[in-house]
Amino acid sequence: MARLLTGGANMGTRCSLALASALAPVGIALAHGSASRPPPTVIRPDDIVWQPGPPTLEPGSQGAVLAGNPSQPGPFTLRVRLPARYRIAPHRHPVDERLTVLSGTLCFATAGPANVAQDTLCIGPGTFRLMPANVVHSDWALGPVEYQIEALGPFDLIYVNPGDDPRHRR
């Protein structure tokens, strides 16, 4: 009876060989798949190369593209730094904007001018904001603020009042 339950010494060897044979293609596929993937990208805060902000923003902002290209189709990640009392006039984006505050406080309003009103919300470190595509909003920094944006390109900032667009004044 014990022999039927264990299958004997040869049964264990045969099961091990059968299992190894069955899993070998999976191991080869996993090894092959990982060889064709790029390695992970790691960017530490001290390694970020900050540039002057894009021409869609007033001077004083800084930005760093961490992954992708905001002007091209596909996902991208960028960091933005704004100095104290920096304001971005009412605008919209053609795609959803996913924003996470990393430091400081960012205020925004979804309607009207960028002033403290009932439609104003100020968010701090660790807070996530999803701004749906084409929702008009304005942003401003109470003090220095750093945040991260993730979206799908192409990304743009379209001002409600074309006169607020710094590209028209340069």
N, C-alpha and C. Protein backbone atom coordinates (compact mmCIF):
# COMPACT_ATOMS: atom_id res chain seq x y z
N MET A 1 0.82 -1.19 0.00
CA MET A 1 0.00 0.00 0.00
C MET A 1 0.86 1.26 0.00
N ALA A 2 1.95 1.24 0.79
CA ALA A 2 2.84 2.39 0.82
C ALA A 2 3.45 2.64 -0.55
N ARG A 3 3.74 1.56 -1.27
CA ARG A 3 4.34 1.70 -2.59
C ARG A 3 3.36 2.42 -3.54
N LEU A 4 2.07 2.21 -3.43
CA LEU A 4 1.10 2.88 -4.28
C LEU A 4 1.03 4.38 -3.98
N LEU A 5 1.16 4.77 -2.73
CA LEU A 5 1.08 6.19 -2.36
C LEU A 5 2.32 6.96 -2.78
N THR A 6 3.49 6.36 -2.69
CA THR A 6 4.72 7.09 -3.00
C THR A 6 5.16 6.87 -4.43
N GLY A 7 4.76 5.77 -5.02
CA GLY A 7 5.18 5.49 -6.37
C GLY A 7 6.57 4.92 -6.43
N GLY A 8 7.22 4.69 -5.32
CA GLY A 8 8.57 4.14 -5.31
C GLY A 8 9.60 5.20 -5.64
N ALA A 9 10.87 4.86 -5.56
CA ALA A 9 11.98 5.78 -5.81
C ALA A 9 11.99 6.25 -7.25
N ASN A 10 11.71 5.37 -8.19
CA ASN A 10 11.72 5.75 -9.60
C ASN A 10 10.60 6.72 -9.94
N MET A 11 9.46 6.60 -9.27
CA MET A 11 8.33 7.49 -9.51
C MET A 11 8.69 8.93 -9.17
N GLY A 12 9.38 9.15 -8.06
CA GLY A 12 9.81 10.49 -7.67
C GLY A 12 10.76 11.08 -8.70
N THR A 13 11.69 10.30 -9.18
CA THR A 13 12.63 10.76 -10.18
C THR A 13 11.89 11.11 -11.47
N ARG A 14 10.95 10.24 -11.87
CA ARG A 14 10.21 10.50 -13.10
C ARG A 14 9.36 11.77 -12.97
N CYS A 15 8.75 11.99 -11.81
CA CYS A 15 7.95 13.21 -11.60
C CYS A 15 8.82 14.45 -11.66
N SER A 16 9.98 14.39 -11.05
CA SER A 16 10.90 15.53 -11.06
C SER A 16 11.34 15.85 -12.47
N LEU A 17 11.67 14.81 -13.25
CA LEU A 17 12.08 15.02 -14.64
C LEU A 17 10.93 15.57 -15.48
N ALA A 18 9.73 15.05 -15.26
CA ALA A 18 8.57 15.53 -16.00
C ALA A 18 8.29 17.01 -15.67
N LEU A 19 8.37 17.36 -14.41
CA LEU A 19 8.14 18.73 -13.99
C LEU A 19 9.20 19.65 -14.57
N ALA A 20 10.46 19.24 -14.50
CA ALA A 20 11.55 20.04 -15.05
C ALA A 20 11.37 20.23 -16.55
N SER A 21 10.96 19.18 -17.26
CA SER A 21 10.74 19.26 -18.71
C SER A 21 9.59 20.21 -19.02
N ALA A 22 8.54 20.16 -18.22
CA ALA A 22 7.39 21.01 -18.46
C ALA A 22 7.70 22.48 -18.20
N LEU A 23 8.53 22.75 -17.21
CA LEU A 23 8.84 24.14 -16.84
C LEU A 23 9.99 24.74 -17.63
N ALA A 24 10.79 23.92 -18.30
CA ALA A 24 11.95 24.43 -19.04
C ALA A 24 11.56 25.50 -20.05
N PRO A 25 10.52 25.31 -20.88
CA PRO A 25 10.17 26.38 -21.84
C PRO A 25 9.78 27.68 -21.15
N VAL A 26 9.14 27.60 -19.98
CA VAL A 26 8.78 28.81 -19.23
C VAL A 26 10.03 29.55 -18.80
N GLY A 27 11.01 28.81 -18.28
CA GLY A 27 12.27 29.43 -17.86
C GLY A 27 12.99 30.06 -19.03
N ILE A 28 13.00 29.39 -20.17
CA ILE A 28 13.65 29.95 -21.36
C ILE A 28 12.92 31.21 -21.81
N ALA A 29 11.59 31.18 -21.81
CA ALA A 29 10.80 32.35 -22.21
C ALA A 29 11.04 33.51 -21.26
N LEU A 30 11.09 33.26 -19.96
CA LEU A 30 11.33 34.34 -19.00
C LEU A 30 12.72 34.92 -19.18
N ALA A 31 13.70 34.05 -19.36
CA ALA A 31 15.07 34.53 -19.56
C ALA A 31 15.17 35.32 -20.85
N HIS A 32 14.54 34.85 -21.91
CA HIS A 32 14.58 35.54 -23.19
C HIS A 32 13.86 36.89 -23.09
N GLY A 33 12.69 36.91 -22.44
CA GLY A 33 11.93 38.16 -22.31
C GLY A 33 12.68 39.21 -21.52
N SER A 34 13.36 38.81 -20.46
CA SER A 34 14.08 39.80 -19.66
C SER A 34 15.30 40.33 -20.39
N ALA A 35 15.87 39.54 -21.29
CA ALA A 35 17.05 39.99 -22.03
C ALA A 35 16.68 41.08 -23.03
N SER A 36 15.43 41.10 -23.51
CA SER A 36 15.04 42.09 -24.50
C SER A 36 14.48 43.36 -23.87
N ARG A 37 14.29 43.38 -22.58
CA ARG A 37 13.76 44.56 -21.89
C ARG A 37 14.92 45.46 -21.47
N PRO A 38 14.69 46.78 -21.50
CA PRO A 38 15.74 47.67 -20.99
C PRO A 38 15.82 47.55 -19.47
N PRO A 39 16.95 47.90 -18.91
CA PRO A 39 17.07 47.83 -17.45
C PRO A 39 16.21 48.93 -16.80
N PRO A 40 15.90 48.80 -15.52
CA PRO A 40 15.13 49.83 -14.83
C PRO A 40 15.88 51.17 -14.82
N THR A 41 15.13 52.24 -14.82
CA THR A 41 15.72 53.57 -14.71
C THR A 41 15.54 54.05 -13.28
N VAL A 42 16.61 54.48 -12.66
CA VAL A 42 16.57 55.02 -11.30
C VAL A 42 17.21 56.39 -11.34
N ILE A 43 16.47 57.40 -10.90
CA ILE A 43 16.99 58.77 -10.85
C ILE A 43 16.82 59.26 -9.42
N ARG A 44 17.93 59.47 -8.77
CA ARG A 44 17.90 59.98 -7.40
C ARG A 44 17.73 61.51 -7.43
N PRO A 45 17.15 62.08 -6.38
CA PRO A 45 16.92 63.54 -6.38
C PRO A 45 18.17 64.35 -6.72
N ASP A 46 19.32 63.96 -6.22
CA ASP A 46 20.55 64.72 -6.50
C ASP A 46 21.02 64.58 -7.94
N ASP A 47 20.49 63.60 -8.67
CA ASP A 47 20.89 63.37 -10.06
C ASP A 47 19.99 64.07 -11.07
N ILE A 48 18.92 64.69 -10.60
CA ILE A 48 18.00 65.37 -11.52
C ILE A 48 18.68 66.61 -12.10
N VAL A 49 18.58 66.74 -13.41
CA VAL A 49 19.15 67.90 -14.10
C VAL A 49 18.00 68.88 -14.37
N TRP A 50 17.97 69.93 -13.58
CA TRP A 50 16.91 70.93 -13.69
C TRP A 50 17.23 71.91 -14.81
N GLN A 51 16.21 72.27 -15.56
CA GLN A 51 16.31 73.23 -16.66
C GLN A 51 15.33 74.37 -16.39
N PRO A 52 15.52 75.51 -17.04
CA PRO A 52 14.47 76.53 -16.96
C PRO A 52 13.15 75.94 -17.46
N GLY A 53 12.06 76.39 -16.89
CA GLY A 53 10.75 75.86 -17.27
C GLY A 53 10.48 76.03 -18.76
N PRO A 54 9.47 75.34 -19.25
CA PRO A 54 9.15 75.41 -20.68
C PRO A 54 8.65 76.80 -21.06
N PRO A 55 8.65 77.12 -22.35
CA PRO A 55 8.20 78.45 -22.77
C PRO A 55 6.73 78.72 -22.48
N THR A 56 5.96 77.69 -22.14
CA THR A 56 4.55 77.89 -21.78
C THR A 56 4.39 78.47 -20.38
N LEU A 57 5.48 78.50 -19.60
CA LEU A 57 5.43 79.05 -18.24
C LEU A 57 6.27 80.31 -18.15
N GLU A 58 5.88 81.18 -17.22
CA GLU A 58 6.64 82.41 -16.97
C GLU A 58 8.04 82.06 -16.47
N PRO A 59 9.01 82.93 -16.68
CA PRO A 59 10.36 82.68 -16.14
C PRO A 59 10.30 82.49 -14.62
N GLY A 60 11.20 81.68 -14.11
CA GLY A 60 11.28 81.40 -12.68
C GLY A 60 10.96 79.97 -12.35
N SER A 61 10.22 79.29 -13.22
CA SER A 61 9.94 77.87 -12.99
C SER A 61 11.11 77.03 -13.47
N GLN A 62 11.18 75.80 -12.97
CA GLN A 62 12.18 74.85 -13.42
C GLN A 62 11.49 73.53 -13.71
N GLY A 63 12.08 72.76 -14.62
CA GLY A 63 11.50 71.47 -14.96
C GLY A 63 12.57 70.45 -15.27
N ALA A 64 12.21 69.19 -15.16
CA ALA A 64 13.11 68.08 -15.50
C ALA A 64 12.25 66.92 -16.00
N VAL A 65 12.50 66.49 -17.22
CA VAL A 65 11.80 65.32 -17.75
C VAL A 65 12.52 64.09 -17.23
N LEU A 66 11.82 63.24 -16.50
CA LEU A 66 12.41 62.03 -15.94
C LEU A 66 12.27 60.83 -16.87
N ALA A 67 11.18 60.80 -17.63
CA ALA A 67 10.95 59.68 -18.54
C ALA A 67 10.02 60.13 -19.65
N GLY A 68 10.20 59.57 -20.84
CA GLY A 68 9.35 59.90 -21.96
C GLY A 68 9.62 61.28 -22.51
N ASN A 69 8.69 61.76 -23.34
CA ASN A 69 8.82 63.07 -23.96
C ASN A 69 7.42 63.69 -24.00
N PRO A 70 7.19 64.77 -23.25
CA PRO A 70 5.85 65.37 -23.19
C PRO A 70 5.30 65.82 -24.55
N SER A 71 6.17 66.09 -25.51
CA SER A 71 5.69 66.56 -26.81
C SER A 71 5.36 65.43 -27.78
N GLN A 72 5.65 64.19 -27.38
CA GLN A 72 5.42 63.04 -28.25
C GLN A 72 4.31 62.15 -27.68
N PRO A 73 3.66 61.36 -28.54
CA PRO A 73 2.66 60.42 -28.02
C PRO A 73 3.30 59.42 -27.06
N GLY A 74 2.59 59.11 -25.99
CA GLY A 74 3.06 58.13 -25.02
C GLY A 74 3.21 58.71 -23.63
N PRO A 75 3.48 57.83 -22.66
CA PRO A 75 3.59 58.28 -21.27
C PRO A 75 4.86 59.09 -21.02
N PHE A 76 4.77 60.00 -20.08
CA PHE A 76 5.95 60.76 -19.65
C PHE A 76 5.80 61.10 -18.17
N THR A 77 6.93 61.43 -17.56
CA THR A 77 6.98 61.88 -16.17
C THR A 77 7.88 63.09 -16.12
N LEU A 78 7.42 64.16 -15.49
CA LEU A 78 8.29 65.33 -15.34
C LEU A 78 8.12 65.91 -13.95
N ARG A 79 9.18 66.57 -13.52
CA ARG A 79 9.18 67.29 -12.24
C ARG A 79 9.14 68.78 -12.53
N VAL A 80 8.47 69.51 -11.67
CA VAL A 80 8.34 70.96 -11.80
C VAL A 80 8.65 71.59 -10.45
N ARG A 81 9.39 72.69 -10.50
CA ARG A 81 9.64 73.52 -9.30
C ARG A 81 9.13 74.93 -9.58
N LEU A 82 8.39 75.45 -8.62
CA LEU A 82 7.91 76.82 -8.72
C LEU A 82 8.41 77.59 -7.50
N PRO A 83 8.83 78.83 -7.70
CA PRO A 83 9.23 79.64 -6.54
C PRO A 83 7.99 80.16 -5.80
N ALA A 84 8.21 80.72 -4.63
CA ALA A 84 7.11 81.28 -3.83
C ALA A 84 6.33 82.32 -4.63
N ARG A 85 5.03 82.32 -4.45
CA ARG A 85 4.10 83.27 -5.07
C ARG A 85 4.08 83.20 -6.60
N TYR A 86 4.48 82.09 -7.15
CA TYR A 86 4.44 81.89 -8.61
C TYR A 86 3.01 81.53 -9.01
N ARG A 87 2.51 82.12 -10.08
CA ARG A 87 1.15 81.86 -10.53
C ARG A 87 1.13 81.40 -11.98
N ILE A 88 0.27 80.45 -12.25
CA ILE A 88 0.01 80.01 -13.62
C ILE A 88 -1.45 80.37 -13.89
N ALA A 89 -1.65 81.27 -14.85
CA ALA A 89 -2.98 81.79 -15.17
C ALA A 89 -3.92 80.67 -15.61
N PRO A 90 -5.24 80.94 -15.59
CA PRO A 90 -6.20 79.90 -16.00
C PRO A 90 -5.84 79.27 -17.35
N HIS A 91 -5.84 77.94 -17.32
CA HIS A 91 -5.43 77.18 -18.50
C HIS A 91 -6.08 75.80 -18.47
N ARG A 92 -5.83 75.03 -19.51
CA ARG A 92 -6.30 73.66 -19.59
C ARG A 92 -5.25 72.82 -20.30
N HIS A 93 -5.42 71.51 -20.22
CA HIS A 93 -4.54 70.56 -20.90
C HIS A 93 -5.42 69.65 -21.76
N PRO A 94 -4.94 69.21 -22.92
CA PRO A 94 -5.76 68.34 -23.77
C PRO A 94 -5.85 66.89 -23.28
N VAL A 95 -5.09 66.56 -22.25
CA VAL A 95 -5.09 65.20 -21.69
C VAL A 95 -5.20 65.27 -20.17
N ASP A 96 -5.58 64.17 -19.53
CA ASP A 96 -5.60 64.12 -18.06
C ASP A 96 -4.21 64.40 -17.51
N GLU A 97 -4.16 65.16 -16.43
CA GLU A 97 -2.90 65.49 -15.76
C GLU A 97 -2.92 64.86 -14.37
N ARG A 98 -1.94 64.00 -14.11
CA ARG A 98 -1.80 63.36 -12.79
C ARG A 98 -0.64 64.06 -12.09
N LEU A 99 -0.93 64.70 -10.99
CA LEU A 99 0.05 65.54 -10.30
C LEU A 99 0.17 65.08 -8.85
N THR A 100 1.41 64.95 -8.38
CA THR A 100 1.67 64.64 -6.97
C THR A 100 2.61 65.70 -6.41
N VAL A 101 2.20 66.35 -5.33
CA VAL A 101 3.05 67.34 -4.68
C VAL A 101 4.13 66.60 -3.89
N LEU A 102 5.37 66.99 -4.10
CA LEU A 102 6.49 66.36 -3.40
C LEU A 102 6.95 67.20 -2.21
N SER A 103 6.91 68.53 -2.36
CA SER A 103 7.27 69.42 -1.25
C SER A 103 6.57 70.75 -1.46
N GLY A 104 6.32 71.44 -0.36
CA GLY A 104 5.65 72.73 -0.43
C GLY A 104 4.14 72.57 -0.54
N THR A 105 3.48 73.69 -0.88
CA THR A 105 2.03 73.70 -1.01
C THR A 105 1.65 74.31 -2.34
N LEU A 106 0.85 73.58 -3.09
CA LEU A 106 0.34 74.04 -4.39
C LEU A 106 -1.15 74.30 -4.23
N CYS A 107 -1.58 75.49 -4.64
CA CYS A 107 -3.00 75.83 -4.61
C CYS A 107 -3.53 75.85 -6.03
N PHE A 108 -4.81 75.53 -6.17
CA PHE A 108 -5.42 75.60 -7.49
C PHE A 108 -6.90 75.93 -7.35
N ALA A 109 -7.42 76.48 -8.43
CA ALA A 109 -8.84 76.76 -8.53
C ALA A 109 -9.30 76.24 -9.88
N THR A 110 -10.49 75.69 -9.92
CA THR A 110 -10.98 75.13 -11.17
C THR A 110 -11.85 76.09 -11.96
N ALA A 111 -12.02 77.29 -11.46
CA ALA A 111 -12.78 78.29 -12.21
C ALA A 111 -12.36 79.67 -11.74
N GLY A 112 -12.37 80.63 -12.63
CA GLY A 112 -12.08 82.01 -12.27
C GLY A 112 -10.60 82.28 -12.10
N PRO A 113 -10.27 83.48 -11.68
CA PRO A 113 -8.87 83.87 -11.53
C PRO A 113 -8.20 83.15 -10.36
N ALA A 114 -6.89 83.17 -10.37
CA ALA A 114 -6.12 82.47 -9.33
C ALA A 114 -6.09 83.31 -8.06
N ASN A 115 -7.20 83.30 -7.33
CA ASN A 115 -7.22 83.96 -6.03
C ASN A 115 -7.94 83.05 -5.05
N VAL A 116 -7.75 83.28 -3.79
CA VAL A 116 -8.34 82.39 -2.79
C VAL A 116 -9.85 82.63 -2.76
N ALA A 117 -10.59 81.60 -3.11
CA ALA A 117 -12.05 81.67 -3.15
C ALA A 117 -12.59 80.29 -2.77
N GLN A 118 -13.91 80.12 -2.83
CA GLN A 118 -14.50 78.85 -2.43
C GLN A 118 -14.08 77.69 -3.33
N ASP A 119 -13.69 77.97 -4.57
CA ASP A 119 -13.29 76.90 -5.48
C ASP A 119 -11.80 76.61 -5.39
N THR A 120 -11.15 77.12 -4.35
CA THR A 120 -9.71 76.97 -4.17
C THR A 120 -9.41 75.80 -3.24
N LEU A 121 -8.39 75.05 -3.60
CA LEU A 121 -7.92 73.95 -2.77
C LEU A 121 -6.40 74.01 -2.76
N CYS A 122 -5.80 73.95 -1.57
CA CYS A 122 -4.35 73.92 -1.43
C CYS A 122 -3.95 72.52 -0.98
N ILE A 123 -2.95 71.96 -1.65
CA ILE A 123 -2.54 70.58 -1.37
C ILE A 123 -1.05 70.53 -1.05
N GLY A 124 -0.69 69.62 -0.16
CA GLY A 124 0.69 69.53 0.31
C GLY A 124 1.36 68.22 -0.07
N PRO A 125 2.54 67.99 0.50
CA PRO A 125 3.35 66.82 0.15
C PRO A 125 2.59 65.51 0.27
N GLY A 126 2.75 64.68 -0.76
CA GLY A 126 2.11 63.38 -0.78
C GLY A 126 0.71 63.39 -1.37
N THR A 127 0.16 64.57 -1.63
CA THR A 127 -1.20 64.67 -2.16
C THR A 127 -1.20 64.49 -3.67
N PHE A 128 -2.14 63.72 -4.15
CA PHE A 128 -2.32 63.43 -5.57
C PHE A 128 -3.51 64.21 -6.09
N ARG A 129 -3.37 64.75 -7.31
CA ARG A 129 -4.48 65.46 -7.96
C ARG A 129 -4.61 64.93 -9.39
N LEU A 130 -5.82 64.56 -9.76
CA LEU A 130 -6.11 64.19 -11.14
C LEU A 130 -6.96 65.30 -11.73
N MET A 131 -6.39 66.01 -12.71
CA MET A 131 -7.14 67.06 -13.39
C MET A 131 -7.57 66.50 -14.75
N PRO A 132 -8.88 66.29 -14.93
CA PRO A 132 -9.34 65.73 -16.20
C PRO A 132 -9.01 66.64 -17.39
N ALA A 133 -8.88 66.04 -18.54
CA ALA A 133 -8.57 66.78 -19.76
C ALA A 133 -9.57 67.93 -19.95
N ASN A 134 -9.05 69.07 -20.37
CA ASN A 134 -9.82 70.26 -20.75
C ASN A 134 -10.56 70.96 -19.62
N VAL A 135 -10.28 70.59 -18.36
CA VAL A 135 -10.85 71.33 -17.24
C VAL A 135 -9.98 72.57 -17.01
N VAL A 136 -10.61 73.74 -17.06
CA VAL A 136 -9.87 75.00 -16.85
C VAL A 136 -9.53 75.14 -15.37
N HIS A 137 -8.27 75.44 -15.11
CA HIS A 137 -7.81 75.63 -13.73
C HIS A 137 -6.63 76.58 -13.72
N SER A 138 -6.33 77.12 -12.56
CA SER A 138 -5.14 77.94 -12.35
C SER A 138 -4.41 77.37 -11.15
N ASP A 139 -3.09 77.56 -11.14
CA ASP A 139 -2.25 77.04 -10.06
C ASP A 139 -1.38 78.16 -9.52
N TRP A 140 -1.04 78.07 -8.24
CA TRP A 140 -0.07 78.99 -7.66
C TRP A 140 0.58 78.38 -6.44
N ALA A 141 1.77 78.87 -6.17
CA ALA A 141 2.56 78.37 -5.05
C ALA A 141 2.57 79.39 -3.93
N LEU A 142 2.22 78.94 -2.71
CA LEU A 142 2.31 79.84 -1.56
C LEU A 142 3.77 80.10 -1.21
N GLY A 143 4.56 79.04 -1.22
CA GLY A 143 6.01 79.10 -1.02
C GLY A 143 6.62 78.24 -2.10
N PRO A 144 7.91 77.97 -2.03
CA PRO A 144 8.51 77.09 -3.04
C PRO A 144 7.79 75.74 -3.04
N VAL A 145 7.55 75.20 -4.21
CA VAL A 145 6.85 73.92 -4.34
C VAL A 145 7.51 73.07 -5.42
N GLU A 146 7.52 71.77 -5.20
CA GLU A 146 7.99 70.82 -6.20
C GLU A 146 6.92 69.76 -6.37
N TYR A 147 6.60 69.45 -7.61
CA TYR A 147 5.60 68.42 -7.88
C TYR A 147 5.99 67.61 -9.11
N GLN A 148 5.31 66.48 -9.25
CA GLN A 148 5.58 65.57 -10.36
C GLN A 148 4.30 65.40 -11.16
N ILE A 149 4.44 65.46 -12.49
CA ILE A 149 3.32 65.26 -13.40
C ILE A 149 3.56 63.99 -14.19
N GLU A 150 2.52 63.19 -14.30
CA GLU A 150 2.54 62.02 -15.18
C GLU A 150 1.31 62.12 -16.07
N ALA A 151 1.54 61.94 -17.36
CA ALA A 151 0.44 62.05 -18.32
C ALA A 151 0.84 61.33 -19.60
N LEU A 152 -0.08 61.37 -20.55
CA LEU A 152 0.20 60.86 -21.88
C LEU A 152 0.39 62.05 -22.81
N GLY A 153 1.45 62.00 -23.58
CA GLY A 153 1.69 63.06 -24.55
C GLY A 153 0.91 62.79 -25.82
N PRO A 154 0.81 63.80 -26.66
CA PRO A 154 1.44 65.11 -26.47
C PRO A 154 0.68 65.95 -25.44
N PHE A 155 1.47 66.65 -24.62
CA PHE A 155 0.96 67.47 -23.53
C PHE A 155 1.08 68.93 -23.94
N ASP A 156 0.13 69.73 -23.54
CA ASP A 156 0.19 71.16 -23.83
C ASP A 156 -0.48 71.92 -22.70
N LEU A 157 -0.18 73.18 -22.60
CA LEU A 157 -0.79 74.08 -21.64
C LEU A 157 -1.43 75.18 -22.48
N ILE A 158 -2.76 75.24 -22.48
CA ILE A 158 -3.50 76.17 -23.33
C ILE A 158 -4.19 77.19 -22.42
N TYR A 159 -3.75 78.45 -22.53
CA TYR A 159 -4.30 79.51 -21.67
C TYR A 159 -5.69 79.92 -22.13
N VAL A 160 -6.58 80.21 -21.17
CA VAL A 160 -7.92 80.70 -21.48
C VAL A 160 -7.80 82.04 -22.19
N ASN A 161 -6.98 82.92 -21.65
CA ASN A 161 -6.71 84.22 -22.26
C ASN A 161 -5.37 84.13 -22.99
N PRO A 162 -5.37 84.16 -24.31
CA PRO A 162 -4.11 84.04 -25.04
C PRO A 162 -3.06 85.07 -24.61
N GLY A 163 -3.49 86.20 -24.07
CA GLY A 163 -2.54 87.21 -23.59
C GLY A 163 -1.75 86.75 -22.37
N ASP A 164 -2.22 85.71 -21.67
CA ASP A 164 -1.49 85.17 -20.53
C ASP A 164 -0.37 84.22 -20.95
N ASP A 165 -0.36 83.81 -22.21
CA ASP A 165 0.64 82.85 -22.70
C ASP A 165 1.98 83.55 -22.90
N PRO A 166 3.01 83.17 -22.11
CA PRO A 166 4.31 83.83 -22.22
C PRO A 166 4.95 83.68 -23.60
N ARG A 167 4.55 82.68 -24.37
CA ARG A 167 5.11 82.50 -25.73
C ARG A 167 4.77 83.67 -26.63
N HIS A 168 3.67 84.37 -26.34
CA HIS A 168 3.26 85.50 -27.18
C HIS A 168 3.97 86.78 -26.79
N ARG A 169 4.70 86.77 -25.68
CA ARG A 169 5.39 87.97 -25.21
C ARG A 169 6.89 87.88 -25.36
N ARG A 170 7.40 86.78 -25.85
CA ARG A 170 8.87 86.61 -25.95
C ARG A 170 9.36 86.96 -27.32
